[in-house]
Amino acid sequence: MPDIPAPIIIVRGEGSGEAARISAAVDEAFPDPRLRSLIGNLRRSPYFRAELSCVAVRGSELVGYVIYFPVMVQAVGQATKAVHMSPIAVRNVPDRQGIGERLVRHGIQRAHSLGFEVVLVMGPANYFGSFGFLRATPLGFKASLPIPDESFLVHMMRPELMGQVHGQVLYPPGVFTA
């Protein structure tokens, strides 16, 4: 009997009316209630921008989700538009087919197309390094939140920004709390 191919995964921006499906995917992906709370806080924030919210769908099932949340990198005499990537929610589905990787790549492209110069994330350097992320602190970035240096990572949209963009990363008050 021939193998039946897995349904194709499509990564796209969040559509209207998908909040309940996103919530279900986040609940399944994160047993830790603090992470579910964080995603909820980001979605309810007045700073939330739906065009920076990405979903992965397989057939009719929403299988992954991530938000790229606007923040500001402030240095003397300059401010740079940036986004901070939320935790990546991927449902516990068989044959995950690189859903998290697709969400990261799609979100970076989407943020770039919307004029953002920098993407920040708190996560493992060995995973995010494959997408071009580097440790942020040695490059002159300082988070306004308590983020461990080894987990505070940055991706520059253009190589020529390296060394030019740095400073205090300003997170909206009360948003990045679980």
C-alpha atoms as a PDB file:
ATOM      1  CA  MET A   1       0.000   0.000   0.000  1.00  0.00           C
ATOM      2  CA  PRO A   2       1.520   3.387  -0.959  1.00  0.00           C
ATOM      3  CA  ASP A   3       2.359   5.943   1.705  1.00  0.00           C
ATOM      4  CA  ILE A   4      -0.114   8.774   1.959  1.00  0.00           C
ATOM      5  CA  PRO A   5       1.734  12.096   1.986  1.00  0.00           C
ATOM      6  CA  ALA A   6       1.244  14.354   4.982  1.00  0.00           C
ATOM      7  CA  PRO A   7      -0.960  17.371   4.306  1.00  0.00           C
ATOM      8  CA  ILE A   8       0.918  20.495   3.284  1.00  0.00           C
ATOM      9  CA  ILE A   9       1.640  23.033   6.000  1.00  0.00           C
ATOM     10  CA  ILE A  10       0.908  26.642   5.124  1.00  0.00           C
ATOM     11  CA  VAL A  11       2.309  29.493   7.214  1.00  0.00           C
ATOM     12  CA  ARG A  12       0.481  32.797   6.886  1.00  0.00           C
ATOM     13  CA  GLY A  13      -0.680  35.789   8.821  1.00  0.00           C
ATOM     14  CA  GLU A  14      -3.427  35.385  11.382  1.00  0.00           C
ATOM     15  CA  GLY A  15      -6.904  35.683   9.893  1.00  0.00           C
ATOM     16  CA  SER A  16      -9.871  37.384  11.488  1.00  0.00           C
ATOM     17  CA  GLY A  17     -11.901  35.090  13.691  1.00  0.00           C
ATOM     18  CA  GLU A  18      -8.999  32.738  14.514  1.00  0.00           C
ATOM     19  CA  ALA A  19      -8.527  33.758  18.160  1.00  0.00           C
ATOM     20  CA  ALA A  20     -10.254  30.666  19.602  1.00  0.00           C
ATOM     21  CA  ARG A  21      -8.244  28.301  17.381  1.00  0.00           C
ATOM     22  CA  ILE A  22      -5.025  30.106  18.326  1.00  0.00           C
ATOM     23  CA  SER A  23      -5.916  29.854  22.004  1.00  0.00           C
ATOM     24  CA  ALA A  24      -6.532  26.100  21.653  1.00  0.00           C
ATOM     25  CA  ALA A  25      -3.174  25.599  19.903  1.00  0.00           C
ATOM     26  CA  VAL A  26      -1.342  27.649  22.554  1.00  0.00           C
ATOM     27  CA  ASP A  27      -3.064  25.738  25.380  1.00  0.00           C
ATOM     28  CA  GLU A  28      -2.007  22.406  23.874  1.00  0.00           C
ATOM     29  CA  ALA A  29       1.540  23.523  23.071  1.00  0.00           C
ATOM     30  CA  PHE A  30       2.302  25.007  26.489  1.00  0.00           C
ATOM     31  CA  PRO A  31       1.483  22.964  29.586  1.00  0.00           C
ATOM     32  CA  ASP A  32       3.089  25.782  31.624  1.00  0.00           C
ATOM     33  CA  PRO A  33       0.282  28.267  32.418  1.00  0.00           C
ATOM     34  CA  ARG A  34       2.810  31.143  32.570  1.00  0.00           C
ATOM     35  CA  LEU A  35       3.557  30.781  28.848  1.00  0.00           C
ATOM     36  CA  ARG A  36      -0.148  30.620  28.004  1.00  0.00           C
ATOM     37  CA  SER A  37      -0.661  33.738  30.117  1.00  0.00           C
ATOM     38  CA  LEU A  38       2.207  35.534  28.351  1.00  0.00           C
ATOM     39  CA  ILE A  39       0.718  34.827  24.907  1.00  0.00           C
ATOM     40  CA  GLY A  40      -2.681  36.010  26.159  1.00  0.00           C
ATOM     41  CA  ASN A  41      -1.159  39.234  27.529  1.00  0.00           C
ATOM     42  CA  LEU A  42       0.552  39.911  24.206  1.00  0.00           C
ATOM     43  CA  ARG A  43      -2.658  39.314  22.249  1.00  0.00           C
ATOM     44  CA  ARG A  44      -4.740  41.583  24.535  1.00  0.00           C
ATOM     45  CA  SER A  45      -2.182  44.394  24.605  1.00  0.00           C
ATOM     46  CA  PRO A  46      -2.954  47.682  22.837  1.00  0.00           C
ATOM     47  CA  TYR A  47       0.441  47.205  21.130  1.00  0.00           C
ATOM     48  CA  PHE A  48      -0.644  43.924  19.474  1.00  0.00           C
ATOM     49  CA  ARG A  49      -0.479  44.077  15.670  1.00  0.00           C
ATOM     50  CA  ALA A  50      -2.328  41.257  13.905  1.00  0.00           C
ATOM     51  CA  GLU A  51      -0.087  41.594  10.843  1.00  0.00           C
ATOM     52  CA  LEU A  52       2.832  40.404  13.025  1.00  0.00           C
ATOM     53  CA  SER A  53       0.914  37.342  14.215  1.00  0.00           C
ATOM     54  CA  CYS A  54       1.645  34.140  12.241  1.00  0.00           C
ATOM     55  CA  VAL A  55      -0.168  30.812  12.127  1.00  0.00           C
ATOM     56  CA  ALA A  56       0.722  27.439  10.656  1.00  0.00           C
ATOM     57  CA  VAL A  57      -2.158  25.386   9.284  1.00  0.00           C
ATOM     58  CA  ARG A  58      -2.280  21.836   8.026  1.00  0.00           C
ATOM     59  CA  GLY A  59      -5.507  21.231   6.164  1.00  0.00           C
ATOM     60  CA  SER A  60      -8.140  22.852   8.360  1.00  0.00           C
ATOM     61  CA  GLU A  61      -6.160  22.411  11.600  1.00  0.00           C
ATOM     62  CA  LEU A  62      -4.211  25.298  13.145  1.00  0.00           C
ATOM     63  CA  VAL A  63      -0.984  23.599  14.284  1.00  0.00           C
ATOM     64  CA  GLY A  64       1.354  26.478  15.181  1.00  0.00           C
ATOM     65  CA  TYR A  65       1.462  30.090  16.278  1.00  0.00           C
ATOM     66  CA  VAL A  66       3.912  32.897  17.012  1.00  0.00           C
ATOM     67  CA  ILE A  67       3.662  36.660  17.598  1.00  0.00           C
ATOM     68  CA  TYR A  68       6.316  39.163  16.620  1.00  0.00           C
ATOM     69  CA  PHE A  69       5.703  42.008  19.043  1.00  0.00           C
ATOM     70  CA  PRO A  70       6.845  45.604  18.403  1.00  0.00           C
ATOM     71  CA  VAL A  71       9.537  46.983  20.705  1.00  0.00           C
ATOM     72  CA  MET A  72      11.999  49.857  20.394  1.00  0.00           C
ATOM     73  CA  VAL A  73      15.794  49.823  20.484  1.00  0.00           C
ATOM     74  CA  GLN A  74      16.846  53.158  21.964  1.00  0.00           C
ATOM     75  CA  ALA A  75      20.371  54.560  21.775  1.00  0.00           C
ATOM     76  CA  VAL A  76      21.635  58.115  22.120  1.00  0.00           C
ATOM     77  CA  GLY A  77      20.257  60.023  19.155  1.00  0.00           C
ATOM     78  CA  GLN A  78      18.605  57.055  17.459  1.00  0.00           C
ATOM     79  CA  ALA A  79      15.652  54.721  17.802  1.00  0.00           C
ATOM     80  CA  THR A  80      15.223  51.566  15.752  1.00  0.00           C
ATOM     81  CA  LYS A  81      11.978  49.696  15.116  1.00  0.00           C
ATOM     82  CA  ALA A  82      12.295  46.119  16.291  1.00  0.00           C
ATOM     83  CA  VAL A  83      10.146  43.117  17.115  1.00  0.00           C
ATOM     84  CA  HIS A  84      10.470  40.524  19.841  1.00  0.00           C
ATOM     85  CA  MET A  85       9.418  36.986  18.961  1.00  0.00           C
ATOM     86  CA  SER A  86       7.110  35.273  21.448  1.00  0.00           C
ATOM     87  CA  PRO A  87       7.517  31.628  22.400  1.00  0.00           C
ATOM     88  CA  ILE A  88       6.674  29.440  19.402  1.00  0.00           C
ATOM     89  CA  ALA A  89       3.560  27.339  19.988  1.00  0.00           C
ATOM     90  CA  VAL A  90       3.435  24.064  18.036  1.00  0.00           C
ATOM     91  CA  ARG A  91       0.692  21.547  18.694  1.00  0.00           C
ATOM     92  CA  ASN A  92       1.678  18.027  19.596  1.00  0.00           C
ATOM     93  CA  VAL A  93       0.968  16.558  16.157  1.00  0.00           C
ATOM     94  CA  PRO A  94       2.682  13.633  14.449  1.00  0.00           C
ATOM     95  CA  ASP A  95       5.252  14.520  11.797  1.00  0.00           C
ATOM     96  CA  ARG A  96       5.686  18.161  12.795  1.00  0.00           C
ATOM     97  CA  GLN A  97       7.366  18.961   9.455  1.00  0.00           C
ATOM     98  CA  GLY A  98       9.472  21.866  10.725  1.00  0.00           C
ATOM     99  CA  ILE A  99       6.474  23.936  11.824  1.00  0.00           C
ATOM    100  CA  GLY A 100       8.519  26.026  14.294  1.00  0.00           C
ATOM    101  CA  GLU A 101      11.214  26.701  11.705  1.00  0.00           C
ATOM    102  CA  ARG A 102       8.606  27.801   9.178  1.00  0.00           C
ATOM    103  CA  LEU A 103       7.000  30.158  11.693  1.00  0.00           C
ATOM    104  CA  VAL A 104      10.379  31.739  12.479  1.00  0.00           C
ATOM    105  CA  ARG A 105      11.335  32.230   8.823  1.00  0.00           C
ATOM    106  CA  HIS A 106       7.907  33.541   7.793  1.00  0.00           C
ATOM    107  CA  GLY A 107       7.784  35.939  10.735  1.00  0.00           C
ATOM    108  CA  ILE A 108      11.236  37.343  10.012  1.00  0.00           C
ATOM    109  CA  GLN A 109      10.269  37.962   6.380  1.00  0.00           C
ATOM    110  CA  ARG A 110       6.960  39.526   7.399  1.00  0.00           C
ATOM    111  CA  ALA A 111       8.614  41.828   9.967  1.00  0.00           C
ATOM    112  CA  HIS A 112      11.197  42.891   7.385  1.00  0.00           C
ATOM    113  CA  SER A 113       8.482  43.677   4.825  1.00  0.00           C
ATOM    114  CA  LEU A 114       6.787  45.885   7.443  1.00  0.00           C
ATOM    115  CA  GLY A 115       9.962  47.933   7.969  1.00  0.00           C
ATOM    116  CA  PHE A 116      11.379  46.367  11.120  1.00  0.00           C
ATOM    117  CA  GLU A 117      15.191  46.254  11.215  1.00  0.00           C
ATOM    118  CA  VAL A 118      15.796  43.959  14.181  1.00  0.00           C
ATOM    119  CA  VAL A 119      14.232  40.761  15.567  1.00  0.00           C
ATOM    120  CA  LEU A 120      14.882  39.812  19.194  1.00  0.00           C
ATOM    121  CA  VAL A 121      14.085  36.573  20.979  1.00  0.00           C
ATOM    122  CA  MET A 122      14.688  34.876  24.286  1.00  0.00           C
ATOM    123  CA  GLY A 123      15.648  31.297  23.519  1.00  0.00           C
ATOM    124  CA  PRO A 124      18.378  28.730  22.917  1.00  0.00           C
ATOM    125  CA  ALA A 125      21.250  30.073  20.808  1.00  0.00           C
ATOM    126  CA  ASN A 126      21.899  26.651  19.270  1.00  0.00           C
ATOM    127  CA  TYR A 127      18.374  26.612  17.762  1.00  0.00           C
ATOM    128  CA  PHE A 128      17.998  30.256  16.748  1.00  0.00           C
ATOM    129  CA  GLY A 129      21.582  30.514  15.493  1.00  0.00           C
ATOM    130  CA  SER A 130      20.522  28.565  12.399  1.00  0.00           C
ATOM    131  CA  PHE A 131      18.303  31.542  11.490  1.00  0.00           C
ATOM    132  CA  GLY A 132      21.113  34.074  11.876  1.00  0.00           C
ATOM    133  CA  PHE A 133      20.486  35.037  15.508  1.00  0.00           C
ATOM    134  CA  LEU A 134      23.476  36.095  17.621  1.00  0.00           C
ATOM    135  CA  ARG A 135      23.872  36.838  21.310  1.00  0.00           C
ATOM    136  CA  ALA A 136      22.536  40.357  21.786  1.00  0.00           C
ATOM    137  CA  THR A 137      24.439  41.586  24.850  1.00  0.00           C
ATOM    138  CA  PRO A 138      27.945  41.413  23.283  1.00  0.00           C
ATOM    139  CA  LEU A 139      26.543  43.420  20.338  1.00  0.00           C
ATOM    140  CA  GLY A 140      25.488  46.254  22.647  1.00  0.00           C
ATOM    141  CA  PHE A 141      21.830  45.401  23.302  1.00  0.00           C
ATOM    142  CA  LYS A 142      20.433  45.642  26.827  1.00  0.00           C
ATOM    143  CA  ALA A 143      16.948  44.386  27.667  1.00  0.00           C
ATOM    144  CA  SER A 144      14.674  46.428  29.920  1.00  0.00           C
ATOM    145  CA  LEU A 145      13.418  43.055  31.214  1.00  0.00           C
ATOM    146  CA  PRO A 146      15.385  40.426  33.150  1.00  0.00           C
ATOM    147  CA  ILE A 147      16.511  38.193  30.262  1.00  0.00           C
ATOM    148  CA  PRO A 148      19.569  35.943  30.756  1.00  0.00           C
ATOM    149  CA  ASP A 149      22.475  37.007  28.519  1.00  0.00           C
ATOM    150  CA  GLU A 150      22.895  33.533  27.009  1.00  0.00           C
ATOM    151  CA  SER A 151      19.220  33.507  25.922  1.00  0.00           C
ATOM    152  CA  PHE A 152      18.929  37.116  24.700  1.00  0.00           C
ATOM    153  CA  LEU A 153      19.403  36.914  20.928  1.00  0.00           C
ATOM    154  CA  VAL A 154      19.212  39.319  17.999  1.00  0.00           C
ATOM    155  CA  HIS A 155      18.821  39.025  14.233  1.00  0.00           C
ATOM    156  CA  MET A 156      19.662  42.009  12.018  1.00  0.00           C
ATOM    157  CA  MET A 157      17.627  42.297   8.826  1.00  0.00           C
ATOM    158  CA  ARG A 158      20.607  43.731   6.947  1.00  0.00           C
ATOM    159  CA  PRO A 159      24.273  42.846   7.602  1.00  0.00           C
ATOM    160  CA  GLU A 160      25.335  46.496   7.437  1.00  0.00           C
ATOM    161  CA  LEU A 161      23.321  47.163  10.609  1.00  0.00           C
ATOM    162  CA  MET A 162      25.773  45.076  12.639  1.00  0.00           C
ATOM    163  CA  GLY A 163      27.626  47.451  14.944  1.00  0.00           C
ATOM    164  CA  GLN A 164      25.377  50.378  13.981  1.00  0.00           C
ATOM    165  CA  VAL A 165      22.189  49.342  15.782  1.00  0.00           C
ATOM    166  CA  HIS A 166      22.409  48.723  19.525  1.00  0.00           C
ATOM    167  CA  GLY A 167      21.062  50.143  22.752  1.00  0.00           C
ATOM    168  CA  GLN A 168      18.352  49.647  25.342  1.00  0.00           C
ATOM    169  CA  VAL A 169      15.479  47.416  24.204  1.00  0.00           C
ATOM    170  CA  LEU A 170      12.318  49.043  25.522  1.00  0.00           C
ATOM    171  CA  TYR A 171       9.445  46.639  26.163  1.00  0.00           C
ATOM    172  CA  PRO A 172       5.954  48.037  26.755  1.00  0.00           C
ATOM    173  CA  PRO A 173       5.217  48.061  30.500  1.00  0.00           C
ATOM    174  CA  GLY A 174       3.213  45.135  31.834  1.00  0.00           C
ATOM    175  CA  VAL A 175       3.027  43.274  28.521  1.00  0.00           C
ATOM    176  CA  PHE A 176       5.829  40.712  28.823  1.00  0.00           C
ATOM    177  CA  THR A 177       4.677  39.344  32.153  1.00  0.00           C
ATOM    178  CA  ALA A 178       3.115  35.961  32.706  1.00  0.00           C
END
